[in-house]
Amino acid sequence: PVYTSQWVILVNEEGHLQNLPLNIEVSALCGRVLVGDALVMT
């Protein structure tokens, strides 16, 4: 889980190690680089 003030974003824990592709939209939501598919919830 990656926590922001508005969202909890679930990503693959090993995404960077697995060289998953950049997820531009969720990276913009939380202000940090996130990779792979992500679940966004309140």
All heavy atoms as atom14 arrays in JSON, in Angstrom:
{
  "sequence": "PVYTSQWVILVNEEGHLQNLPLNIEVSALCGRVLVGDALVMT",
  "atom14_mask": [
    [1, 1, 1, 1, 1, 1, 1, 0, 0, 0, 0, 0, 0, 0],
    [1, 1, 1, 1, 1, 1, 1, 0, 0, 0, 0, 0, 0, 0],
    [1, 1, 1, 1, 1, 1, 1, 1, 1, 1, 1, 1, 0, 0],
    [1, 1, 1, 1, 1, 1, 1, 0, 0, 0, 0, 0, 0, 0],
    [1, 1, 1, 1, 1, 1, 0, 0, 0, 0, 0, 0, 0, 0],
    [1, 1, 1, 1, 1, 1, 1, 1, 1, 0, 0, 0, 0, 0],
    [1, 1, 1, 1, 1, 1, 1, 1, 1, 1, 1, 1, 1, 1],
    [1, 1, 1, 1, 1, 1, 1, 0, 0, 0, 0, 0, 0, 0],
    [1, 1, 1, 1, 1, 1, 1, 1, 0, 0, 0, 0, 0, 0],
    [1, 1, 1, 1, 1, 1, 1, 1, 0, 0, 0, 0, 0, 0],
    [1, 1, 1, 1, 1, 1, 1, 0, 0, 0, 0, 0, 0, 0],
    [1, 1, 1, 1, 1, 1, 1, 1, 0, 0, 0, 0, 0, 0],
    [1, 1, 1, 1, 1, 1, 1, 1, 1, 0, 0, 0, 0, 0],
    [1, 1, 1, 1, 1, 1, 1, 1, 1, 0, 0, 0, 0, 0],
    [1, 1, 1, 1, 0, 0, 0, 0, 0, 0, 0, 0, 0, 0],
    [1, 1, 1, 1, 1, 1, 1, 1, 1, 1, 0, 0, 0, 0],
    [1, 1, 1, 1, 1, 1, 1, 1, 0, 0, 0, 0, 0, 0],
    [1, 1, 1, 1, 1, 1, 1, 1, 1, 0, 0, 0, 0, 0],
    [1, 1, 1, 1, 1, 1, 1, 1, 0, 0, 0, 0, 0, 0],
    [1, 1, 1, 1, 1, 1, 1, 1, 0, 0, 0, 0, 0, 0],
    [1, 1, 1, 1, 1, 1, 1, 0, 0, 0, 0, 0, 0, 0],
    [1, 1, 1, 1, 1, 1, 1, 1, 0, 0, 0, 0, 0, 0],
    [1, 1, 1, 1, 1, 1, 1, 1, 0, 0, 0, 0, 0, 0],
    [1, 1, 1, 1, 1, 1, 1, 1, 0, 0, 0, 0, 0, 0],
    [1, 1, 1, 1, 1, 1, 1, 1, 1, 0, 0, 0, 0, 0],
    [1, 1, 1, 1, 1, 1, 1, 0, 0, 0, 0, 0, 0, 0],
    [1, 1, 1, 1, 1, 1, 0, 0, 0, 0, 0, 0, 0, 0],
    [1, 1, 1, 1, 1, 0, 0, 0, 0, 0, 0, 0, 0, 0],
    [1, 1, 1, 1, 1, 1, 1, 1, 0, 0, 0, 0, 0, 0],
    [1, 1, 1, 1, 1, 1, 0, 0, 0, 0, 0, 0, 0, 0],
    [1, 1, 1, 1, 0, 0, 0, 0, 0, 0, 0, 0, 0, 0],
    [1, 1, 1, 1, 1, 1, 1, 1, 1, 1, 1, 0, 0, 0],
    [1, 1, 1, 1, 1, 1, 1, 0, 0, 0, 0, 0, 0, 0],
    [1, 1, 1, 1, 1, 1, 1, 1, 0, 0, 0, 0, 0, 0],
    [1, 1, 1, 1, 1, 1, 1, 0, 0, 0, 0, 0, 0, 0],
    [1, 1, 1, 1, 0, 0, 0, 0, 0, 0, 0, 0, 0, 0],
    [1, 1, 1, 1, 1, 1, 1, 1, 0, 0, 0, 0, 0, 0],
    [1, 1, 1, 1, 1, 0, 0, 0, 0, 0, 0, 0, 0, 0],
    [1, 1, 1, 1, 1, 1, 1, 1, 0, 0, 0, 0, 0, 0],
    [1, 1, 1, 1, 1, 1, 1, 0, 0, 0, 0, 0, 0, 0],
    [1, 1, 1, 1, 1, 1, 1, 1, 0, 0, 0, 0, 0, 0],
    [1, 1, 1, 1, 1, 1, 1, 0, 0, 0, 0, 0, 0, 0]
  ],
  "atom14_positions": [
    [[0.83, -1.2, 0.0], [0.0, 0.0, 0.0], [0.86, 1.26, 0.0], [1.87, 1.34, 0.7], [-0.81, -0.11, 1.29], [0.0, -0.98, 2.17], [0.82, -1.89, 1.29], [0.0, 0.0, 0.0], [0.0, 0.0, 0.0], [0.0, 0.0, 0.0], [0.0, 0.0, 0.0], [0.0, 0.0, 0.0], [0.0, 0.0, 0.0], [0.0, 0.0, 0.0]],
    [[0.46, 2.22, -0.8], [1.08, 3.54, -0.83], [-0.01, 4.51, -0.42], [-1.06, 4.58, -1.05], [1.61, 3.87, -2.25], [2.17, 5.28, -2.29], [2.64, 2.85, -2.69], [0.0, 0.0, 0.0], [0.0, 0.0, 0.0], [0.0, 0.0, 0.0], [0.0, 0.0, 0.0], [0.0, 0.0, 0.0], [0.0, 0.0, 0.0], [0.0, 0.0, 0.0]],
    [[0.24, 5.25, 0.66], [-0.78, 6.12, 1.23], [-0.59, 7.56, 0.78], [0.52, 8.08, 0.82], [-0.75, 6.06, 2.75], [-1.02, 4.69, 3.31], [0.02, 3.83, 3.61], [-2.32, 4.24, 3.51], [-0.22, 2.55, 4.11], [-2.58, 2.98, 4.0], [-1.52, 2.14, 4.3], [-1.77, 0.88, 4.8], [0.0, 0.0, 0.0], [0.0, 0.0, 0.0]],
    [[-1.68, 8.18, 0.37], [-1.71, 9.62, 0.14], [-2.79, 10.19, 1.05], [-3.5, 9.43, 1.72], [-2.02, 9.96, -1.34], [-3.39, 9.69, -1.6], [-1.13, 9.2, -2.31], [0.0, 0.0, 0.0], [0.0, 0.0, 0.0], [0.0, 0.0, 0.0], [0.0, 0.0, 0.0], [0.0, 0.0, 0.0], [0.0, 0.0, 0.0], [0.0, 0.0, 0.0]],
    [[-2.95, 11.48, 1.04], [-3.99, 12.07, 1.89], [-5.39, 11.66, 1.44], [-6.32, 11.61, 2.23], [-3.87, 13.59, 1.91], [-4.03, 14.1, 0.59], [0.0, 0.0, 0.0], [0.0, 0.0, 0.0], [0.0, 0.0, 0.0], [0.0, 0.0, 0.0], [0.0, 0.0, 0.0], [0.0, 0.0, 0.0], [0.0, 0.0, 0.0], [0.0, 0.0, 0.0]],
    [[-5.52, 11.35, 0.16], [-6.84, 11.02, -0.39], [-7.04, 9.55, -0.72], [-8.15, 9.04, -0.66], [-7.06, 11.86, -1.65], [-8.48, 11.88, -2.14], [-8.65, 12.9, -3.26], [-7.69, 13.41, -3.82], [-9.88, 13.18, -3.6], [0.0, 0.0, 0.0], [0.0, 0.0, 0.0], [0.0, 0.0, 0.0], [0.0, 0.0, 0.0], [0.0, 0.0, 0.0]],
    [[-5.96, 8.85, -1.06], [-6.07, 7.49, -1.61], [-5.14, 6.51, -0.91], [-4.14, 6.87, -0.34], [-5.71, 7.48, -3.09], [-6.46, 8.47, -3.91], [-5.97, 9.62, -4.44], [-7.83, 8.41, -4.3], [-6.95, 10.29, -5.13], [-8.11, 9.56, -5.06], [-8.85, 7.49, -4.07], [-9.36, 9.8, -5.6], [-10.09, 7.76, -4.61], [-10.34, 8.9, -5.36]],
    [[-5.5, 5.23, -1.04], [-4.57, 4.14, -0.78], [-4.39, 3.45, -2.13], [-5.35, 3.05, -2.77], [-5.13, 3.14, 0.26], [-4.17, 1.96, 0.42], [-5.39, 3.82, 1.58], [0.0, 0.0, 0.0], [0.0, 0.0, 0.0], [0.0, 0.0, 0.0], [0.0, 0.0, 0.0], [0.0, 0.0, 0.0], [0.0, 0.0, 0.0], [0.0, 0.0, 0.0]],
    [[-3.14, 3.39, -2.56], [-2.83, 2.83, -3.87], [-2.06, 1.54, -3.63], [-1.01, 1.53, -2.97], [-1.97, 3.81, -4.7], [-2.73, 5.13, -4.86], [-1.62, 3.2, -6.05], [-1.9, 6.25, -5.43], [0.0, 0.0, 0.0], [0.0, 0.0, 0.0], [0.0, 0.0, 0.0], [0.0, 0.0, 0.0], [0.0, 0.0, 0.0], [0.0, 0.0, 0.0]],
    [[-2.59, 0.43, -4.14], [-1.93, -0.86, -3.99], [-1.13, -1.15, -5.24], [-1.66, -1.11, -6.36], [-2.95, -1.97, -3.75], [-3.87, -1.8, -2.55], [-4.81, -2.99, -2.44], [-3.08, -1.62, -1.27], [0.0, 0.0, 0.0], [0.0, 0.0, 0.0], [0.0, 0.0, 0.0], [0.0, 0.0, 0.0], [0.0, 0.0, 0.0], [0.0, 0.0, 0.0]],
    [[0.15, -1.46, -5.05], [1.03, -1.78, -6.17], [1.74, -3.09, -5.88], [1.69, -3.62, -4.76], [2.09, -0.66, -6.4], [1.42, 0.63, -6.82], [2.94, -0.44, -5.17], [0.0, 0.0, 0.0], [0.0, 0.0, 0.0], [0.0, 0.0, 0.0], [0.0, 0.0, 0.0], [0.0, 0.0, 0.0], [0.0, 0.0, 0.0], [0.0, 0.0, 0.0]],
    [[2.43, -3.61, -6.87], [3.22, -4.81, -6.71], [4.46, -4.47, -5.89], [5.25, -3.6, -6.27], [3.62, -5.36, -8.09], [4.36, -6.67, -8.02], [5.19, -6.89, -7.16], [4.06, -7.55, -8.96], [0.0, 0.0, 0.0], [0.0, 0.0, 0.0], [0.0, 0.0, 0.0], [0.0, 0.0, 0.0], [0.0, 0.0, 0.0], [0.0, 0.0, 0.0]],
    [[4.63, -5.15, -4.78], [5.73, -4.89, -3.87], [7.1, -5.02, -4.55], [8.04, -4.32, -4.21], [5.64, -5.89, -2.7], [6.69, -5.73, -1.65], [6.49, -6.75, -0.54], [6.98, -7.89, -0.69], [5.84, -6.41, 0.46], [0.0, 0.0, 0.0], [0.0, 0.0, 0.0], [0.0, 0.0, 0.0], [0.0, 0.0, 0.0], [0.0, 0.0, 0.0]],
    [[7.21, -5.91, -5.52], [8.48, -6.15, -6.21], [8.51, -5.54, -7.61], [9.31, -5.94, -8.44], [8.74, -7.65, -6.27], [8.88, -8.28, -4.9], [9.09, -9.77, -4.94], [8.6, -10.43, -5.9], [9.74, -10.29, -4.03], [0.0, 0.0, 0.0], [0.0, 0.0, 0.0], [0.0, 0.0, 0.0], [0.0, 0.0, 0.0], [0.0, 0.0, 0.0]],
    [[7.63, -4.58, -7.85], [7.5, -3.99, -9.18], [8.79, -3.43, -9.74], [9.11, -3.63, -10.92], [0.0, 0.0, 0.0], [0.0, 0.0, 0.0], [0.0, 0.0, 0.0], [0.0, 0.0, 0.0], [0.0, 0.0, 0.0], [0.0, 0.0, 0.0], [0.0, 0.0, 0.0], [0.0, 0.0, 0.0], [0.0, 0.0, 0.0], [0.0, 0.0, 0.0]],
    [[9.55, -2.72, -8.91], [10.82, -2.14, -9.39], [11.84, -3.24, -9.67], [12.57, -3.17, -10.65], [11.38, -1.13, -8.39], [10.61, 0.15, -8.35], [10.7, 1.11, -9.33], [9.71, 0.62, -7.46], [9.9, 2.13, -9.03], [9.28, 1.85, -7.9], [0.0, 0.0, 0.0], [0.0, 0.0, 0.0], [0.0, 0.0, 0.0], [0.0, 0.0, 0.0]],
    [[11.88, -4.26, -8.81], [12.81, -5.37, -9.02], [12.48, -6.15, -10.29], [13.37, -6.69, -10.94], [12.79, -6.32, -7.82], [13.28, -5.75, -6.49], [13.04, -6.74, -5.36], [14.75, -5.4, -6.58], [0.0, 0.0, 0.0], [0.0, 0.0, 0.0], [0.0, 0.0, 0.0], [0.0, 0.0, 0.0], [0.0, 0.0, 0.0], [0.0, 0.0, 0.0]],
    [[11.2, -6.21, -10.62], [10.75, -6.94, -11.81], [10.77, -6.06, -13.06], [10.35, -6.5, -14.13], [9.34, -7.49, -11.59], [9.27, -8.52, -10.49], [7.84, -8.94, -10.18], [6.88, -8.48, -10.79], [7.69, -9.84, -9.22], [0.0, 0.0, 0.0], [0.0, 0.0, 0.0], [0.0, 0.0, 0.0], [0.0, 0.0, 0.0], [0.0, 0.0, 0.0]],
    [[11.23, -4.82, -12.91], [11.29, -3.87, -14.03], [9.94, -3.69, -14.72], [9.84, -3.65, -15.95], [12.35, -4.29, -15.05], [13.74, -4.17, -14.5], [14.06, -3.19, -13.84], [14.56, -5.18, -14.73], [0.0, 0.0, 0.0], [0.0, 0.0, 0.0], [0.0, 0.0, 0.0], [0.0, 0.0, 0.0], [0.0, 0.0, 0.0], [0.0, 0.0, 0.0]],
    [[8.88, -3.59, -13.9], [7.56, -3.34, -14.46], [7.53, -1.93, -15.05], [8.27, -1.05, -14.6], [6.49, -3.48, -13.37], [6.32, -4.88, -12.78], [5.25, -4.88, -11.7], [5.99, -5.9, -13.86], [0.0, 0.0, 0.0], [0.0, 0.0, 0.0], [0.0, 0.0, 0.0], [0.0, 0.0, 0.0], [0.0, 0.0, 0.0], [0.0, 0.0, 0.0]],
    [[6.67, -1.71, -16.04], [6.63, -0.39, -16.69], [6.08, 0.7, -15.77], [5.27, 0.44, -14.88], [5.71, -0.61, -17.89], [4.9, -1.81, -17.56], [5.74, -2.66, -16.66], [0.0, 0.0, 0.0], [0.0, 0.0, 0.0], [0.0, 0.0, 0.0], [0.0, 0.0, 0.0], [0.0, 0.0, 0.0], [0.0, 0.0, 0.0], [0.0, 0.0, 0.0]],
    [[6.54, 1.91, -16.01], [6.09, 3.08, -15.26], [4.58, 3.24, -15.42], [4.04, 3.1, -16.51], [6.79, 4.33, -15.79], [6.35, 5.67, -15.22], [6.7, 5.76, -13.75], [7.0, 6.8, -16.0], [0.0, 0.0, 0.0], [0.0, 0.0, 0.0], [0.0, 0.0, 0.0], [0.0, 0.0, 0.0], [0.0, 0.0, 0.0], [0.0, 0.0, 0.0]],
    [[3.92, 3.53, -14.3], [2.5, 3.82, -14.33], [2.37, 5.33, -14.12], [2.43, 5.83, -12.98], [1.74, 3.04, -13.25], [0.25, 3.13, -13.42], [-0.28, 4.18, -13.74], [-0.44, 2.02, -13.18], [0.0, 0.0, 0.0], [0.0, 0.0, 0.0], [0.0, 0.0, 0.0], [0.0, 0.0, 0.0], [0.0, 0.0, 0.0], [0.0, 0.0, 0.0]],
    [[2.24, 6.05, -15.21], [2.25, 7.51, -15.17], [1.09, 8.08, -14.36], [1.28, 8.99, -13.55], [2.24, 8.09, -16.6], [3.53, 7.7, -17.31], [2.06, 9.6, -16.59], [3.54, 7.96, -18.8], [0.0, 0.0, 0.0], [0.0, 0.0, 0.0], [0.0, 0.0, 0.0], [0.0, 0.0, 0.0], [0.0, 0.0, 0.0], [0.0, 0.0, 0.0]],
    [[-0.09, 7.53, -14.53], [-1.26, 8.08, -13.86], [-1.18, 7.95, -12.34], [-1.41, 8.91, -11.61], [-2.55, 7.43, -14.37], [-3.78, 8.12, -13.84], [-5.06, 7.66, -14.5], [-5.01, 7.08, -15.59], [-6.12, 7.9, -13.9], [0.0, 0.0, 0.0], [0.0, 0.0, 0.0], [0.0, 0.0, 0.0], [0.0, 0.0, 0.0], [0.0, 0.0, 0.0]],
    [[-0.84, 6.77, -11.83], [-0.78, 6.62, -10.37], [0.45, 7.33, -9.79], [0.41, 7.8, -8.66], [-0.84, 5.16, -9.9], [-2.19, 4.55, -10.21], [0.27, 4.33, -10.45], [0.0, 0.0, 0.0], [0.0, 0.0, 0.0], [0.0, 0.0, 0.0], [0.0, 0.0, 0.0], [0.0, 0.0, 0.0], [0.0, 0.0, 0.0], [0.0, 0.0, 0.0]],
    [[1.51, 7.44, -10.56], [2.67, 8.2, -10.11], [2.28, 9.66, -9.89], [2.69, 10.28, -8.91], [3.81, 8.11, -11.12], [4.3, 6.79, -11.2], [0.0, 0.0, 0.0], [0.0, 0.0, 0.0], [0.0, 0.0, 0.0], [0.0, 0.0, 0.0], [0.0, 0.0, 0.0], [0.0, 0.0, 0.0], [0.0, 0.0, 0.0], [0.0, 0.0, 0.0]],
    [[1.47, 10.19, -10.78], [1.0, 11.58, -10.66], [0.06, 11.73, -9.45], [0.07, 12.77, -8.79], [0.29, 12.01, -11.93], [0.0, 0.0, 0.0], [0.0, 0.0, 0.0], [0.0, 0.0, 0.0], [0.0, 0.0, 0.0], [0.0, 0.0, 0.0], [0.0, 0.0, 0.0], [0.0, 0.0, 0.0], [0.0, 0.0, 0.0], [0.0, 0.0, 0.0]],
    [[-0.73, 10.7, -9.15], [-1.64, 10.76, -8.0], [-0.9, 10.88, -6.68], [-1.38, 11.54, -5.75], [-2.52, 9.51, -7.94], [-3.75, 9.44, -8.81], [-4.42, 8.08, -8.65], [-4.72, 10.55, -8.48], [0.0, 0.0, 0.0], [0.0, 0.0, 0.0], [0.0, 0.0, 0.0], [0.0, 0.0, 0.0], [0.0, 0.0, 0.0], [0.0, 0.0, 0.0]],
    [[0.25, 10.23, -6.57], [0.91, 10.21, -5.27], [2.23, 10.97, -5.23], [2.83, 11.07, -4.16], [1.11, 8.77, -4.81], [2.32, 7.87, -5.74], [0.0, 0.0, 0.0], [0.0, 0.0, 0.0], [0.0, 0.0, 0.0], [0.0, 0.0, 0.0], [0.0, 0.0, 0.0], [0.0, 0.0, 0.0], [0.0, 0.0, 0.0], [0.0, 0.0, 0.0]],
    [[2.69, 11.47, -6.35], [3.9, 12.28, -6.35], [5.19, 11.49, -6.2], [6.2, 12.02, -5.75], [0.0, 0.0, 0.0], [0.0, 0.0, 0.0], [0.0, 0.0, 0.0], [0.0, 0.0, 0.0], [0.0, 0.0, 0.0], [0.0, 0.0, 0.0], [0.0, 0.0, 0.0], [0.0, 0.0, 0.0], [0.0, 0.0, 0.0], [0.0, 0.0, 0.0]],
    [[5.14, 10.21, -6.54], [6.37, 9.4, -6.55], [6.27, 8.38, -7.66], [5.18, 8.11, -8.17], [6.64, 8.76, -5.2], [5.69, 7.67, -4.8], [6.02, 7.12, -3.43], [6.48, 5.75, -3.52], [6.41, 4.89, -2.52], [5.94, 5.26, -1.36], [6.85, 3.67, -2.66], [0.0, 0.0, 0.0], [0.0, 0.0, 0.0], [0.0, 0.0, 0.0]],
    [[7.37, 7.8, -8.03], [7.4, 6.87, -9.16], [6.83, 5.52, -8.73], [7.35, 4.88, -7.81], [8.83, 6.69, -9.7], [8.87, 5.63, -10.78], [9.37, 8.01, -10.22], [0.0, 0.0, 0.0], [0.0, 0.0, 0.0], [0.0, 0.0, 0.0], [0.0, 0.0, 0.0], [0.0, 0.0, 0.0], [0.0, 0.0, 0.0], [0.0, 0.0, 0.0]],
    [[5.75, 5.11, -9.41], [5.15, 3.8, -9.18], [5.13, 3.05, -10.5], [4.95, 3.65, -11.56], [3.74, 3.93, -8.62], [3.62, 4.58, -7.24], [2.17, 4.69, -6.82], [4.41, 3.81, -6.2], [0.0, 0.0, 0.0], [0.0, 0.0, 0.0], [0.0, 0.0, 0.0], [0.0, 0.0, 0.0], [0.0, 0.0, 0.0], [0.0, 0.0, 0.0]],
    [[5.28, 1.75, -10.4], [5.33, 0.93, -11.62], [4.28, -0.17, -11.56], [3.81, -0.55, -10.5], [6.74, 0.32, -11.82], [7.79, 1.4, -12.01], [7.12, -0.59, -10.66], [0.0, 0.0, 0.0], [0.0, 0.0, 0.0], [0.0, 0.0, 0.0], [0.0, 0.0, 0.0], [0.0, 0.0, 0.0], [0.0, 0.0, 0.0], [0.0, 0.0, 0.0]],
    [[3.93, -0.67, -12.74], [2.98, -1.77, -12.84], [1.54, -1.33, -12.66], [1.23, -0.15, -12.52], [0.0, 0.0, 0.0], [0.0, 0.0, 0.0], [0.0, 0.0, 0.0], [0.0, 0.0, 0.0], [0.0, 0.0, 0.0], [0.0, 0.0, 0.0], [0.0, 0.0, 0.0], [0.0, 0.0, 0.0], [0.0, 0.0, 0.0], [0.0, 0.0, 0.0]],
    [[0.66, -2.31, -12.69], [-0.77, -2.06, -12.5], [-1.02, -1.72, -11.03], [-0.32, -2.2, -10.14], [-1.58, -3.29, -12.9], [-1.42, -3.64, -14.37], [-0.96, -2.78, -15.15], [-1.74, -4.78, -14.74], [0.0, 0.0, 0.0], [0.0, 0.0, 0.0], [0.0, 0.0, 0.0], [0.0, 0.0, 0.0], [0.0, 0.0, 0.0], [0.0, 0.0, 0.0]],
    [[-2.02, -0.88, -10.78], [-2.29, -0.43, -9.42], [-3.79, -0.35, -9.15], [-4.57, -0.04, -10.03], [-1.67, 0.94, -9.21], [0.0, 0.0, 0.0], [0.0, 0.0, 0.0], [0.0, 0.0, 0.0], [0.0, 0.0, 0.0], [0.0, 0.0, 0.0], [0.0, 0.0, 0.0], [0.0, 0.0, 0.0], [0.0, 0.0, 0.0], [0.0, 0.0, 0.0]],
    [[-4.15, -0.64, -7.92], [-5.52, -0.48, -7.44], [-5.59, 0.8, -6.61], [-4.78, 0.99, -5.71], [-5.93, -1.65, -6.56], [-6.31, -2.94, -7.25], [-6.45, -4.07, -6.22], [-7.59, -2.78, -8.03], [0.0, 0.0, 0.0], [0.0, 0.0, 0.0], [0.0, 0.0, 0.0], [0.0, 0.0, 0.0], [0.0, 0.0, 0.0], [0.0, 0.0, 0.0]],
    [[-6.54, 1.64, -6.92], [-6.72, 2.89, -6.2], [-8.04, 2.83, -5.46], [-9.08, 2.55, -6.05], [-6.7, 4.1, -7.18], [-6.91, 5.4, -6.42], [-5.4, 4.12, -7.97], [0.0, 0.0, 0.0], [0.0, 0.0, 0.0], [0.0, 0.0, 0.0], [0.0, 0.0, 0.0], [0.0, 0.0, 0.0], [0.0, 0.0, 0.0], [0.0, 0.0, 0.0]],
    [[-7.97, 3.08, -4.15], [-9.19, 3.05, -3.34], [-9.11, 4.13, -2.27], [-8.03, 4.66, -2.0], [-9.4, 1.67, -2.72], [-8.28, 1.22, -1.83], [-8.49, -0.48, -1.19], [-8.38, -1.43, -2.67], [0.0, 0.0, 0.0], [0.0, 0.0, 0.0], [0.0, 0.0, 0.0], [0.0, 0.0, 0.0], [0.0, 0.0, 0.0], [0.0, 0.0, 0.0]],
    [[-10.25, 4.43, -1.69], [-10.28, 5.41, -0.61], [-9.76, 4.76, 0.67], [-9.7, 3.53, 0.77], [-11.71, 5.93, -0.36], [-12.51, 4.83, 0.11], [-12.31, 6.54, -1.61], [0.0, 0.0, 0.0], [0.0, 0.0, 0.0], [0.0, 0.0, 0.0], [0.0, 0.0, 0.0], [0.0, 0.0, 0.0], [0.0, 0.0, 0.0], [0.0, 0.0, 0.0]]
  ]
}
